[in-house]
Amino acid sequence: MAPQELPLIDYDNVPVGSLQHRIRSLDGEQIQQLLDYERVHNNRVQVTEVLENRLQELREGATPSGGTQEAQPVEAEDTPGGSPVEPSGSPEPMHPPRHGIGGLPGKPKADRPRKQ
């Protein structure tokens, strides 16, 4: 089975954390289809657990939620004029104070004079 034939668009690139939410609208047959594909192609333990758990929920009487998987995921778009933030507006780097000396700002090691 090709990834294009799966009930979940871009299935191979769906993060495991969002998979549980993305499969809520699928029925048992579609979940089984994803599970079979996963076992043959990637066999990721976390993914198979999520799919098996959802399949069990459906067998126990849960119903798929509304929604569809037909739309492509929304990608963020670039702003036409670029970012309004200028690098000159960045704050100066701050280094944590050295241990045991109160009130003195810390310095990175590269700025310290070398001992000879």
PDB file of N, CA and C in Angstrom:
ATOM      1  N   MET A   1       0.839  -1.178   0.000  1.00  0.00           N
ATOM      2  CA  MET A   1       0.000   0.000   0.000  1.00  0.00           C
ATOM      3  C   MET A   1       0.887   1.245   0.000  1.00  0.00           C
ATOM      4  N   ALA A   2       0.580   2.177  -0.831  1.00  0.00           N
ATOM      5  CA  ALA A   2       1.349   3.420  -0.939  1.00  0.00           C
ATOM      6  C   ALA A   2       0.841   4.425   0.096  1.00  0.00           C
ATOM      7  N   PRO A   3       1.731   5.301   0.593  1.00  0.00           N
ATOM      8  CA  PRO A   3       1.306   6.305   1.573  1.00  0.00           C
ATOM      9  C   PRO A   3       0.165   7.195   1.069  1.00  0.00           C
ATOM     10  N   GLN A   4       0.073   7.378  -0.264  1.00  0.00           N
ATOM     11  CA  GLN A   4      -0.998   8.221  -0.814  1.00  0.00           C
ATOM     12  C   GLN A   4      -2.374   7.580  -0.617  1.00  0.00           C
ATOM     13  N   GLU A   5      -2.424   6.266  -0.431  1.00  0.00           N
ATOM     14  CA  GLU A   5      -3.691   5.555  -0.279  1.00  0.00           C
ATOM     15  C   GLU A   5      -4.159   5.494   1.172  1.00  0.00           C
ATOM     16  N   LEU A   6      -3.362   5.994   2.104  1.00  0.00           N
ATOM     17  CA  LEU A   6      -3.718   5.933   3.521  1.00  0.00           C
ATOM     18  C   LEU A   6      -4.786   6.966   3.861  1.00  0.00           C
ATOM     19  N   PRO A   7      -5.590   6.701   4.888  1.00  0.00           N
ATOM     20  CA  PRO A   7      -6.662   7.634   5.255  1.00  0.00           C
ATOM     21  C   PRO A   7      -6.171   8.889   5.964  1.00  0.00           C
ATOM     22  N   LEU A   8      -4.911   8.948   6.312  1.00  0.00           N
ATOM     23  CA  LEU A   8      -4.348  10.104   6.990  1.00  0.00           C
ATOM     24  C   LEU A   8      -3.298  10.738   6.087  1.00  0.00           C
ATOM     25  N   ILE A   9      -3.542  11.968   5.661  1.00  0.00           N
ATOM     26  CA  ILE A   9      -2.644  12.668   4.748  1.00  0.00           C
ATOM     27  C   ILE A   9      -1.289  12.869   5.413  1.00  0.00           C
ATOM     28  N   ASP A  10      -0.231  12.611   4.650  1.00  0.00           N
ATOM     29  CA  ASP A  10       1.144  12.804   5.099  1.00  0.00           C
ATOM     30  C   ASP A  10       1.438  11.999   6.367  1.00  0.00           C
ATOM     31  N   TYR A  11       0.900  10.788   6.419  1.00  0.00           N
ATOM     32  CA  TYR A  11       1.000   9.935   7.607  1.00  0.00           C
ATOM     33  C   TYR A  11       2.435   9.745   8.088  1.00  0.00           C
ATOM     34  N   ASP A  12       3.361   9.488   7.203  1.00  0.00           N
ATOM     35  CA  ASP A  12       4.738   9.206   7.605  1.00  0.00           C
ATOM     36  C   ASP A  12       5.414  10.387   8.291  1.00  0.00           C
ATOM     37  N   ASN A  13       4.891  11.588   8.124  1.00  0.00           N
ATOM     38  CA  ASN A  13       5.502  12.780   8.722  1.00  0.00           C
ATOM     39  C   ASN A  13       4.709  13.352   9.890  1.00  0.00           C
ATOM     40  N   VAL A  14       3.648  12.662  10.303  1.00  0.00           N
ATOM     41  CA  VAL A  14       2.843  13.139  11.429  1.00  0.00           C
ATOM     42  C   VAL A  14       3.620  12.873  12.717  1.00  0.00           C
ATOM     43  N   PRO A  15       3.849  13.906  13.548  1.00  0.00           N
ATOM     44  CA  PRO A  15       4.550  13.686  14.816  1.00  0.00           C
ATOM     45  C   PRO A  15       3.738  12.755  15.715  1.00  0.00           C
ATOM     46  N   VAL A  16       4.416  11.911  16.457  1.00  0.00           N
ATOM     47  CA  VAL A  16       3.742  10.945  17.321  1.00  0.00           C
ATOM     48  C   VAL A  16       2.809  11.655  18.299  1.00  0.00           C
ATOM     49  N   GLY A  17       3.229  12.813  18.807  1.00  0.00           N
ATOM     50  CA  GLY A  17       2.425  13.551  19.772  1.00  0.00           C
ATOM     51  C   GLY A  17       1.080  14.016  19.239  1.00  0.00           C
ATOM     52  N   SER A  18       0.981  14.273  17.956  1.00  0.00           N
ATOM     53  CA  SER A  18      -0.289  14.746  17.394  1.00  0.00           C
ATOM     54  C   SER A  18      -1.079  13.631  16.717  1.00  0.00           C
ATOM     55  N   LEU A  19      -0.489  12.452  16.608  1.00  0.00           N
ATOM     56  CA  LEU A  19      -1.167  11.338  15.936  1.00  0.00           C
ATOM     57  C   LEU A  19      -2.457  10.971  16.637  1.00  0.00           C
ATOM     58  N   GLN A  20      -2.430  10.920  17.966  1.00  0.00           N
ATOM     59  CA  GLN A  20      -3.612  10.546  18.739  1.00  0.00           C
ATOM     60  C   GLN A  20      -4.801  11.449  18.409  1.00  0.00           C
ATOM     61  N   HIS A  21      -4.550  12.716  18.193  1.00  0.00           N
ATOM     62  CA  HIS A  21      -5.624  13.662  17.887  1.00  0.00           C
ATOM     63  C   HIS A  21      -6.042  13.575  16.418  1.00  0.00           C
ATOM     64  N   ARG A  22      -5.094  13.311  15.550  1.00  0.00           N
ATOM     65  CA  ARG A  22      -5.391  13.253  14.119  1.00  0.00           C
ATOM     66  C   ARG A  22      -6.219  12.028  13.738  1.00  0.00           C
ATOM     67  N   ILE A  23      -6.135  10.943  14.509  1.00  0.00           N
ATOM     68  CA  ILE A  23      -6.861   9.722  14.152  1.00  0.00           C
ATOM     69  C   ILE A  23      -8.251   9.664  14.769  1.00  0.00           C
ATOM     70  N   ARG A  24      -8.645  10.651  15.533  1.00  0.00           N
ATOM     71  CA  ARG A  24      -9.958  10.640  16.204  1.00  0.00           C
ATOM     72  C   ARG A  24     -11.127  10.546  15.229  1.00  0.00           C
ATOM     73  N   SER A  25     -10.979  11.071  14.038  1.00  0.00           N
ATOM     74  CA  SER A  25     -12.087  11.064  13.083  1.00  0.00           C
ATOM     75  C   SER A  25     -12.128   9.798  12.228  1.00  0.00           C
ATOM     76  N   LEU A  26     -11.150   8.904  12.397  1.00  0.00           N
ATOM     77  CA  LEU A  26     -11.092   7.699  11.571  1.00  0.00           C
ATOM     78  C   LEU A  26     -11.890   6.571  12.206  1.00  0.00           C
ATOM     79  N   ASP A  27     -12.449   5.706  11.355  1.00  0.00           N
ATOM     80  CA  ASP A  27     -13.189   4.550  11.864  1.00  0.00           C
ATOM     81  C   ASP A  27     -12.237   3.370  12.059  1.00  0.00           C
ATOM     82  N   GLY A  28     -12.755   2.269  12.566  1.00  0.00           N
ATOM     83  CA  GLY A  28     -11.939   1.105  12.881  1.00  0.00           C
ATOM     84  C   GLY A  28     -11.198   0.535  11.682  1.00  0.00           C
ATOM     85  N   GLU A  29     -11.849   0.500  10.534  1.00  0.00           N
ATOM     86  CA  GLU A  29     -11.208  -0.030   9.328  1.00  0.00           C
ATOM     87  C   GLU A  29     -10.018   0.834   8.912  1.00  0.00           C
ATOM     88  N   GLN A  30     -10.180   2.151   9.020  1.00  0.00           N
ATOM     89  CA  GLN A  30      -9.094   3.063   8.651  1.00  0.00           C
ATOM     90  C   GLN A  30      -7.928   2.975   9.643  1.00  0.00           C
ATOM     91  N   ILE A  31      -8.250   2.834  10.924  1.00  0.00           N
ATOM     92  CA  ILE A  31      -7.205   2.671  11.937  1.00  0.00           C
ATOM     93  C   ILE A  31      -6.435   1.378  11.681  1.00  0.00           C
ATOM     94  N   GLN A  32      -7.161   0.305  11.359  1.00  0.00           N
ATOM     95  CA  GLN A  32      -6.523  -0.974  11.072  1.00  0.00           C
ATOM     96  C   GLN A  32      -5.615  -0.852   9.850  1.00  0.00           C
ATOM     97  N   GLN A  33      -6.051  -0.092   8.868  1.00  0.00           N
ATOM     98  CA  GLN A  33      -5.248   0.132   7.659  1.00  0.00           C
ATOM     99  C   GLN A  33      -3.927   0.830   8.029  1.00  0.00           C
ATOM    100  N   LEU A  34      -3.994   1.853   8.895  1.00  0.00           N
ATOM    101  CA  LEU A  34      -2.788   2.546   9.338  1.00  0.00           C
ATOM    102  C   LEU A  34      -1.890   1.614  10.155  1.00  0.00           C
ATOM    103  N   LEU A  35      -2.512   0.798  10.997  1.00  0.00           N
ATOM    104  CA  LEU A  35      -1.753  -0.122  11.834  1.00  0.00           C
ATOM    105  C   LEU A  35      -1.012  -1.153  10.990  1.00  0.00           C
ATOM    106  N   ASP A  36      -1.685  -1.693  10.002  1.00  0.00           N
ATOM    107  CA  ASP A  36      -1.036  -2.657   9.099  1.00  0.00           C
ATOM    108  C   ASP A  36       0.129  -2.007   8.358  1.00  0.00           C
ATOM    109  N   TYR A  37      -0.077  -0.797   7.875  1.00  0.00           N
ATOM    110  CA  TYR A  37       0.980  -0.065   7.160  1.00  0.00           C
ATOM    111  C   TYR A  37       2.159   0.198   8.096  1.00  0.00           C
ATOM    112  N   GLU A  38       1.859   0.634   9.313  1.00  0.00           N
ATOM    113  CA  GLU A  38       2.910   0.950  10.289  1.00  0.00           C
ATOM    114  C   GLU A  38       3.744  -0.282  10.601  1.00  0.00           C
ATOM    115  N   ARG A  39       3.117  -1.392  10.816  1.00  0.00           N
ATOM    116  CA  ARG A  39       3.844  -2.625  11.160  1.00  0.00           C
ATOM    117  C   ARG A  39       4.767  -3.074  10.033  1.00  0.00           C
ATOM    118  N   VAL A  40       4.369  -2.860   8.794  1.00  0.00           N
ATOM    119  CA  VAL A  40       5.190  -3.280   7.652  1.00  0.00           C
ATOM    120  C   VAL A  40       6.311  -2.283   7.366  1.00  0.00           C
ATOM    121  N   HIS A  41       6.035  -0.986   7.481  1.00  0.00           N
ATOM    122  CA  HIS A  41       6.997   0.020   7.038  1.00  0.00           C
ATOM    123  C   HIS A  41       7.892   0.590   8.133  1.00  0.00           C
ATOM    124  N   ASN A  42       7.318   1.112   9.202  1.00  0.00           N
ATOM    125  CA  ASN A  42       8.127   1.799  10.206  1.00  0.00           C
ATOM    126  C   ASN A  42       8.243   1.013  11.508  1.00  0.00           C
ATOM    127  N   ASN A  43       7.146   0.414  11.925  1.00  0.00           N
ATOM    128  CA  ASN A  43       7.065  -0.392  13.137  1.00  0.00           C
ATOM    129  C   ASN A  43       7.568   0.370  14.363  1.00  0.00           C
ATOM    130  N   ARG A  44       7.089   1.612  14.524  1.00  0.00           N
ATOM    131  CA  ARG A  44       7.438   2.429  15.685  1.00  0.00           C
ATOM    132  C   ARG A  44       6.543   2.016  16.855  1.00  0.00           C
ATOM    133  N   VAL A  45       7.143   1.688  17.971  1.00  0.00           N
ATOM    134  CA  VAL A  45       6.408   1.159  19.123  1.00  0.00           C
ATOM    135  C   VAL A  45       5.343   2.141  19.598  1.00  0.00           C
ATOM    136  N   GLN A  46       5.705   3.418  19.760  1.00  0.00           N
ATOM    137  CA  GLN A  46       4.744   4.413  20.246  1.00  0.00           C
ATOM    138  C   GLN A  46       3.560   4.548  19.300  1.00  0.00           C
ATOM    139  N   VAL A  47       3.814   4.531  18.005  1.00  0.00           N
ATOM    140  CA  VAL A  47       2.755   4.700  17.025  1.00  0.00           C
ATOM    141  C   VAL A  47       1.818   3.487  17.036  1.00  0.00           C
ATOM    142  N   THR A  48       2.385   2.289  17.074  1.00  0.00           N
ATOM    143  CA  THR A  48       1.526   1.099  17.096  1.00  0.00           C
ATOM    144  C   THR A  48       0.692   1.070  18.370  1.00  0.00           C
ATOM    145  N   GLU A  49       1.243   1.524  19.498  1.00  0.00           N
ATOM    146  CA  GLU A  49       0.469   1.583  20.741  1.00  0.00           C
ATOM    147  C   GLU A  49      -0.710   2.536  20.613  1.00  0.00           C
ATOM    148  N   VAL A  50      -0.470   3.718  20.052  1.00  0.00           N
ATOM    149  CA  VAL A  50      -1.546   4.705  19.883  1.00  0.00           C
ATOM    150  C   VAL A  50      -2.644   4.134  18.985  1.00  0.00           C
ATOM    151  N   LEU A  51      -2.249   3.526  17.880  1.00  0.00           N
ATOM    152  CA  LEU A  51      -3.228   2.969  16.945  1.00  0.00           C
ATOM    153  C   LEU A  51      -3.989   1.796  17.563  1.00  0.00           C
ATOM    154  N   GLU A  52      -3.285   0.912  18.268  1.00  0.00           N
ATOM    155  CA  GLU A  52      -3.944  -0.224  18.915  1.00  0.00           C
ATOM    156  C   GLU A  52      -4.921   0.244  19.987  1.00  0.00           C
ATOM    157  N   ASN A  53      -4.532   1.248  20.778  1.00  0.00           N
ATOM    158  CA  ASN A  53      -5.408   1.784  21.814  1.00  0.00           C
ATOM    159  C   ASN A  53      -6.668   2.390  21.214  1.00  0.00           C
ATOM    160  N   ARG A  54      -6.518   3.145  20.128  1.00  0.00           N
ATOM    161  CA  ARG A  54      -7.690   3.755  19.492  1.00  0.00           C
ATOM    162  C   ARG A  54      -8.591   2.685  18.891  1.00  0.00           C
ATOM    163  N   LEU A  55      -8.007   1.669  18.305  1.00  0.00           N
ATOM    164  CA  LEU A  55      -8.784   0.569  17.741  1.00  0.00           C
ATOM    165  C   LEU A  55      -9.575  -0.126  18.850  1.00  0.00           C
ATOM    166  N   GLN A  56      -8.954  -0.325  19.995  1.00  0.00           N
ATOM    167  CA  GLN A  56      -9.646  -0.936  21.132  1.00  0.00           C
ATOM    168  C   GLN A  56     -10.787  -0.047  21.622  1.00  0.00           C
ATOM    169  N   GLU A  57     -10.566   1.263  21.683  1.00  0.00           N
ATOM    170  CA  GLU A  57     -11.623   2.199  22.077  1.00  0.00           C
ATOM    171  C   GLU A  57     -12.822   2.085  21.139  1.00  0.00           C
ATOM    172  N   LEU A  58     -12.551   2.007  19.842  1.00  0.00           N
ATOM    173  CA  LEU A  58     -13.632   1.895  18.862  1.00  0.00           C
ATOM    174  C   LEU A  58     -14.382   0.570  19.028  1.00  0.00           C
ATOM    175  N   ARG A  59     -13.666  -0.503  19.316  1.00  0.00           N
ATOM    176  CA  ARG A  59     -14.307  -1.809  19.533  1.00  0.00           C
ATOM    177  C   ARG A  59     -15.176  -1.794  20.788  1.00  0.00           C
ATOM    178  N   GLU A  60     -14.807  -0.975  21.755  1.00  0.00           N
ATOM    179  CA  GLU A  60     -15.558  -0.883  23.005  1.00  0.00           C
ATOM    180  C   GLU A  60     -16.710   0.117  22.932  1.00  0.00           C
ATOM    181  N   GLY A  61     -16.947   0.701  21.764  1.00  0.00           N
ATOM    182  CA  GLY A  61     -18.105   1.560  21.588  1.00  0.00           C
ATOM    183  C   GLY A  61     -17.837   3.023  21.323  1.00  0.00           C
ATOM    184  N   ALA A  62     -16.595   3.438  21.326  1.00  0.00           N
ATOM    185  CA  ALA A  62     -16.294   4.842  21.006  1.00  0.00           C
ATOM    186  C   ALA A  62     -16.678   5.103  19.555  1.00  0.00           C
ATOM    187  N   THR A  63     -17.016   6.341  19.261  1.00  0.00           N
ATOM    188  CA  THR A  63     -17.370   6.699  17.891  1.00  0.00           C
ATOM    189  C   THR A  63     -16.369   7.714  17.358  1.00  0.00           C
ATOM    190  N   PRO A  64     -16.085   7.663  16.061  1.00  0.00           N
ATOM    191  CA  PRO A  64     -15.172   8.660  15.475  1.00  0.00           C
ATOM    192  C   PRO A  64     -15.740  10.063  15.638  1.00  0.00           C
ATOM    193  N   SER A  65     -14.880  11.012  15.896  1.00  0.00           N
ATOM    194  CA  SER A  65     -15.321  12.399  16.003  1.00  0.00           C
ATOM    195  C   SER A  65     -15.542  12.960  14.612  1.00  0.00           C
ATOM    196  N   GLY A  66     -16.174  14.112  14.543  1.00  0.00           N
ATOM    197  CA  GLY A  66     -16.387  14.742  13.247  1.00  0.00           C
ATOM    198  C   GLY A  66     -15.081  15.252  12.674  1.00  0.00           C
ATOM    199  N   GLY A  67     -15.098  15.600  11.445  1.00  0.00           N
ATOM    200  CA  GLY A  67     -13.897  16.135  10.805  1.00  0.00           C
ATOM    201  C   GLY A  67     -13.503  15.283   9.622  1.00  0.00           C
ATOM    202  N   THR A  68     -12.528  15.775   8.907  1.00  0.00           N
ATOM    203  CA  THR A  68     -12.067  15.072   7.724  1.00  0.00           C
ATOM    204  C   THR A  68     -10.552  15.153   7.648  1.00  0.00           C
ATOM    205  N   GLN A  69      -9.952  14.229   6.957  1.00  0.00           N
ATOM    206  CA  GLN A  69      -8.501  14.213   6.785  1.00  0.00           C
ATOM    207  C   GLN A  69      -8.108  14.591   5.364  1.00  0.00           C
ATOM    208  N   GLU A  70      -9.029  15.161   4.617  1.00  0.00           N
ATOM    209  CA  GLU A  70      -8.778  15.433   3.201  1.00  0.00           C
ATOM    210  C   GLU A  70      -7.943  16.677   2.951  1.00  0.00           C
ATOM    211  N   ALA A  71      -7.960  17.621   3.863  1.00  0.00           N
ATOM    212  CA  ALA A  71      -7.210  18.864   3.648  1.00  0.00           C
ATOM    213  C   ALA A  71      -5.747  18.671   4.010  1.00  0.00           C
ATOM    214  N   GLN A  72      -4.884  19.308   3.252  1.00  0.00           N
ATOM    215  CA  GLN A  72      -3.457  19.268   3.541  1.00  0.00           C
ATOM    216  C   GLN A  72      -3.192  20.101   4.796  1.00  0.00           C
ATOM    217  N   PRO A  73      -2.195  19.747   5.589  1.00  0.00           N
ATOM    218  CA  PRO A  73      -1.852  20.561   6.754  1.00  0.00           C
ATOM    219  C   PRO A  73      -1.470  21.984   6.336  1.00  0.00           C
ATOM    220  N   VAL A  74      -1.817  22.932   7.183  1.00  0.00           N
ATOM    221  CA  VAL A  74      -1.543  24.333   6.888  1.00  0.00           C
ATOM    222  C   VAL A  74      -0.086  24.631   7.204  1.00  0.00           C
ATOM    223  N   GLU A  75       0.594  25.243   6.258  1.00  0.00           N
ATOM    224  CA  GLU A  75       1.984  25.640   6.430  1.00  0.00           C
ATOM    225  C   GLU A  75       2.040  27.124   6.746  1.00  0.00           C
ATOM    226  N   ALA A  76       2.966  27.516   7.586  1.00  0.00           N
ATOM    227  CA  ALA A  76       3.153  28.933   7.880  1.00  0.00           C
ATOM    228  C   ALA A  76       3.703  29.628   6.640  1.00  0.00           C
ATOM    229  N   GLU A  77       3.237  30.837   6.418  1.00  0.00           N
ATOM    230  CA  GLU A  77       3.684  31.585   5.247  1.00  0.00           C
ATOM    231  C   GLU A  77       4.666  32.680   5.661  1.00  0.00           C
ATOM    232  N   ASP A  78       5.566  33.037   4.751  1.00  0.00           N
ATOM    233  CA  ASP A  78       6.491  34.131   5.015  1.00  0.00           C
ATOM    234  C   ASP A  78       5.744  35.448   4.918  1.00  0.00           C
ATOM    235  N   THR A  79       6.206  36.429   5.688  1.00  0.00           N
ATOM    236  CA  THR A  79       5.600  37.747   5.568  1.00  0.00           C
ATOM    237  C   THR A  79       6.168  38.419   4.328  1.00  0.00           C
ATOM    238  N   PRO A  80       5.371  39.202   3.609  1.00  0.00           N
ATOM    239  CA  PRO A  80       5.848  39.795   2.362  1.00  0.00           C
ATOM    240  C   PRO A  80       7.004  40.762   2.551  1.00  0.00           C
ATOM    241  N   GLY A  81       7.070  41.461   3.664  1.00  0.00           N
ATOM    242  CA  GLY A  81       8.125  42.446   3.843  1.00  0.00           C
ATOM    243  C   GLY A  81       9.257  41.964   4.731  1.00  0.00           C
ATOM    244  N   GLY A  82       9.250  40.709   5.060  1.00  0.00           N
ATOM    245  CA  GLY A  82      10.275  40.206   5.972  1.00  0.00           C
ATOM    246  C   GLY A  82       9.906  40.528   7.405  1.00  0.00           C
ATOM    247  N   SER A  83      10.818  40.349   8.302  1.00  0.00           N
ATOM    248  CA  SER A  83      10.562  40.591   9.718  1.00  0.00           C
ATOM    249  C   SER A  83      10.716  42.071  10.048  1.00  0.00           C
ATOM    250  N   PRO A  84       9.794  42.640  10.844  1.00  0.00           N
ATOM    251  CA  PRO A  84       9.937  44.036  11.250  1.00  0.00           C
ATOM    252  C   PRO A  84      10.967  44.198  12.365  1.00  0.00           C
ATOM    253  N   VAL A  85      11.480  43.111  12.897  1.00  0.00           N
ATOM    254  CA  VAL A  85      12.434  43.177  13.998  1.00  0.00           C
ATOM    255  C   VAL A  85      13.845  43.320  13.442  1.00  0.00           C
ATOM    256  N   GLU A  86      14.576  44.296  13.957  1.00  0.00           N
ATOM    257  CA  GLU A  86      15.951  44.543  13.532  1.00  0.00           C
ATOM    258  C   GLU A  86      16.914  43.911  14.538  1.00  0.00           C
ATOM    259  N   PRO A  87      18.042  43.392  14.081  1.00  0.00           N
ATOM    260  CA  PRO A  87      19.022  42.831  15.016  1.00  0.00           C
ATOM    261  C   PRO A  87      19.528  43.845  16.033  1.00  0.00           C
ATOM    262  N   SER A  88      19.520  45.138  15.675  1.00  0.00           N
ATOM    263  CA  SER A  88      20.010  46.164  16.601  1.00  0.00           C
ATOM    264  C   SER A  88      19.113  46.287  17.831  1.00  0.00           C
ATOM    265  N   GLY A  89      17.909  45.756  17.767  1.00  0.00           N
ATOM    266  CA  GLY A  89      16.989  45.825  18.902  1.00  0.00           C
ATOM    267  C   GLY A  89      17.183  44.694  19.894  1.00  0.00           C
ATOM    268  N   SER A  90      18.125  43.802  19.612  1.00  0.00           N
ATOM    269  CA  SER A  90      18.381  42.689  20.518  1.00  0.00           C
ATOM    270  C   SER A  90      19.078  43.178  21.774  1.00  0.00           C
ATOM    271  N   PRO A  91      18.774  42.586  22.910  1.00  0.00           N
ATOM    272  CA  PRO A  91      19.450  43.009  24.141  1.00  0.00           C
ATOM    273  C   PRO A  91      20.897  42.528  24.144  1.00  0.00           C
ATOM    274  N   GLU A  92      21.712  43.204  24.946  1.00  0.00           N
ATOM    275  CA  GLU A  92      23.104  42.791  25.097  1.00  0.00           C
ATOM    276  C   GLU A  92      23.117  41.449  25.812  1.00  0.00           C
ATOM    277  N   PRO A  93      24.052  40.576  25.475  1.00  0.00           N
ATOM    278  CA  PRO A  93      24.112  39.298  26.177  1.00  0.00           C
ATOM    279  C   PRO A  93      24.432  39.501  27.645  1.00  0.00           C
ATOM    280  N   MET A  94      23.781  38.755  28.506  1.00  0.00           N
ATOM    281  CA  MET A  94      24.032  38.851  29.940  1.00  0.00           C
ATOM    282  C   MET A  94      24.631  37.539  30.406  1.00  0.00           C
ATOM    283  N   HIS A  95      25.645  37.625  31.200  1.00  0.00           N
ATOM    284  CA  HIS A  95      26.276  36.431  31.731  1.00  0.00           C
ATOM    285  C   HIS A  95      25.954  36.344  33.211  1.00  0.00           C
ATOM    286  N   PRO A  96      25.685  35.182  33.718  1.00  0.00           N
ATOM    287  CA  PRO A  96      25.360  35.065  35.141  1.00  0.00           C
ATOM    288  C   PRO A  96      26.561  35.445  36.006  1.00  0.00           C
ATOM    289  N   PRO A  97      26.291  35.934  37.207  1.00  0.00           N
ATOM    290  CA  PRO A  97      27.413  36.331  38.071  1.00  0.00           C
ATOM    291  C   PRO A  97      28.258  35.124  38.468  1.00  0.00           C
ATOM    292  N   ARG A  98      29.532  35.417  38.755  1.00  0.00           N
ATOM    293  CA  ARG A  98      30.427  34.367  39.211  1.00  0.00           C
ATOM    294  C   ARG A  98      30.026  33.943  40.609  1.00  0.00           C
ATOM    295  N   HIS A  99      30.317  32.726  40.934  1.00  0.00           N
ATOM    296  CA  HIS A  99      29.974  32.216  42.260  1.00  0.00           C
ATOM    297  C   HIS A  99      30.844  32.869  43.322  1.00  0.00           C
ATOM    298  N   GLY A 100      30.209  33.318  44.391  1.00  0.00           N
ATOM    299  CA  GLY A 100      30.938  33.845  45.527  1.00  0.00           C
ATOM    300  C   GLY A 100      31.290  35.311  45.448  1.00  0.00           C
ATOM    301  N   ILE A 101      31.053  35.997  44.330  1.00  0.00           N
ATOM    302  CA  ILE A 101      31.373  37.414  44.222  1.00  0.00           C
ATOM    303  C   ILE A 101      30.085  38.149  43.871  1.00  0.00           C
ATOM    304  N   GLY A 102      29.454  38.757  44.855  1.00  0.00           N
ATOM    305  CA  GLY A 102      28.189  39.435  44.632  1.00  0.00           C
ATOM    306  C   GLY A 102      28.368  40.764  43.932  1.00  0.00           C
ATOM    307  N   GLY A 103      27.450  41.117  43.072  1.00  0.00           N
ATOM    308  CA  GLY A 103      27.452  42.410  42.415  1.00  0.00           C
ATOM    309  C   GLY A 103      28.352  42.531  41.204  1.00  0.00           C
ATOM    310  N   LEU A 104      29.172  41.551  40.926  1.00  0.00           N
ATOM    311  CA  LEU A 104      30.039  41.619  39.753  1.00  0.00           C
ATOM    312  C   LEU A 104      29.435  40.783  38.625  1.00  0.00           C
ATOM    313  N   PRO A 105      29.292  41.363  37.437  1.00  0.00           N
ATOM    314  CA  PRO A 105      28.764  40.563  36.329  1.00  0.00           C
ATOM    315  C   PRO A 105      29.789  39.531  35.882  1.00  0.00           C
ATOM    316  N   GLY A 106      29.308  38.425  35.454  1.00  0.00           N
ATOM    317  CA  GLY A 106      30.196  37.377  34.978  1.00  0.00           C
ATOM    318  C   GLY A 106      30.737  37.690  33.592  1.00  0.00           C
ATOM    319  N   LYS A 107      31.821  37.070  33.229  1.00  0.00           N
ATOM    320  CA  LYS A 107      32.400  37.235  31.904  1.00  0.00           C
ATOM    321  C   LYS A 107      32.597  35.854  31.294  1.00  0.00           C
ATOM    322  N   PRO A 108      32.382  35.747  30.006  1.00  0.00           N
ATOM    323  CA  PRO A 108      32.686  34.456  29.384  1.00  0.00           C
ATOM    324  C   PRO A 108      34.193  34.220  29.403  1.00  0.00           C
ATOM    325  N   LYS A 109      34.585  32.983  29.414  1.00  0.00           N
ATOM    326  CA  LYS A 109      36.002  32.644  29.513  1.00  0.00           C
ATOM    327  C   LYS A 109      36.830  33.224  28.373  1.00  0.00           C
ATOM    328  N   ALA A 110      36.251  33.387  27.218  1.00  0.00           N
ATOM    329  CA  ALA A 110      37.007  33.899  26.077  1.00  0.00           C
ATOM    330  C   ALA A 110      37.455  35.338  26.289  1.00  0.00           C
ATOM    331  N   ASP A 111      36.757  36.096  27.140  1.00  0.00           N
ATOM    332  CA  ASP A 111      37.108  37.497  27.371  1.00  0.00           C
ATOM    333  C   ASP A 111      38.121  37.689  28.510  1.00  0.00           C
ATOM    334  N   ARG A 112      38.417  36.641  29.237  1.00  0.00           N
ATOM    335  CA  ARG A 112      39.326  36.758  30.374  1.00  0.00           C
ATOM    336  C   ARG A 112      40.777  36.796  29.877  1.00  0.00           C
ATOM    337  N   PRO A 113      41.578  37.592  30.528  1.00  0.00           N
ATOM    338  CA  PRO A 113      43.000  37.562  30.148  1.00  0.00           C
ATOM    339  C   PRO A 113      43.604  36.216  30.553  1.00  0.00           C
ATOM    340  N   ARG A 114      44.522  35.750  29.756  1.00  0.00           N
ATOM    341  CA  ARG A 114      45.161  34.466  30.031  1.00  0.00           C
ATOM    342  C   ARG A 114      46.239  34.631  31.074  1.00  0.00           C
ATOM    343  N   LYS A 115      46.264  33.657  31.988  1.00  0.00           N
ATOM    344  CA  LYS A 115      47.306  33.655  33.011  1.00  0.00           C
ATOM    345  C   LYS A 115      48.554  33.014  32.416  1.00  0.00           C
ATOM    346  N   GLN A 116      49.695  33.529  32.805  1.00  0.00           N
ATOM    347  CA  GLN A 116      50.934  32.982  32.270  1.00  0.00           C
ATOM    348  C   GLN A 116      51.795  32.410  33.332  1.00  0.00           C
TER     349      GLN A 116
END
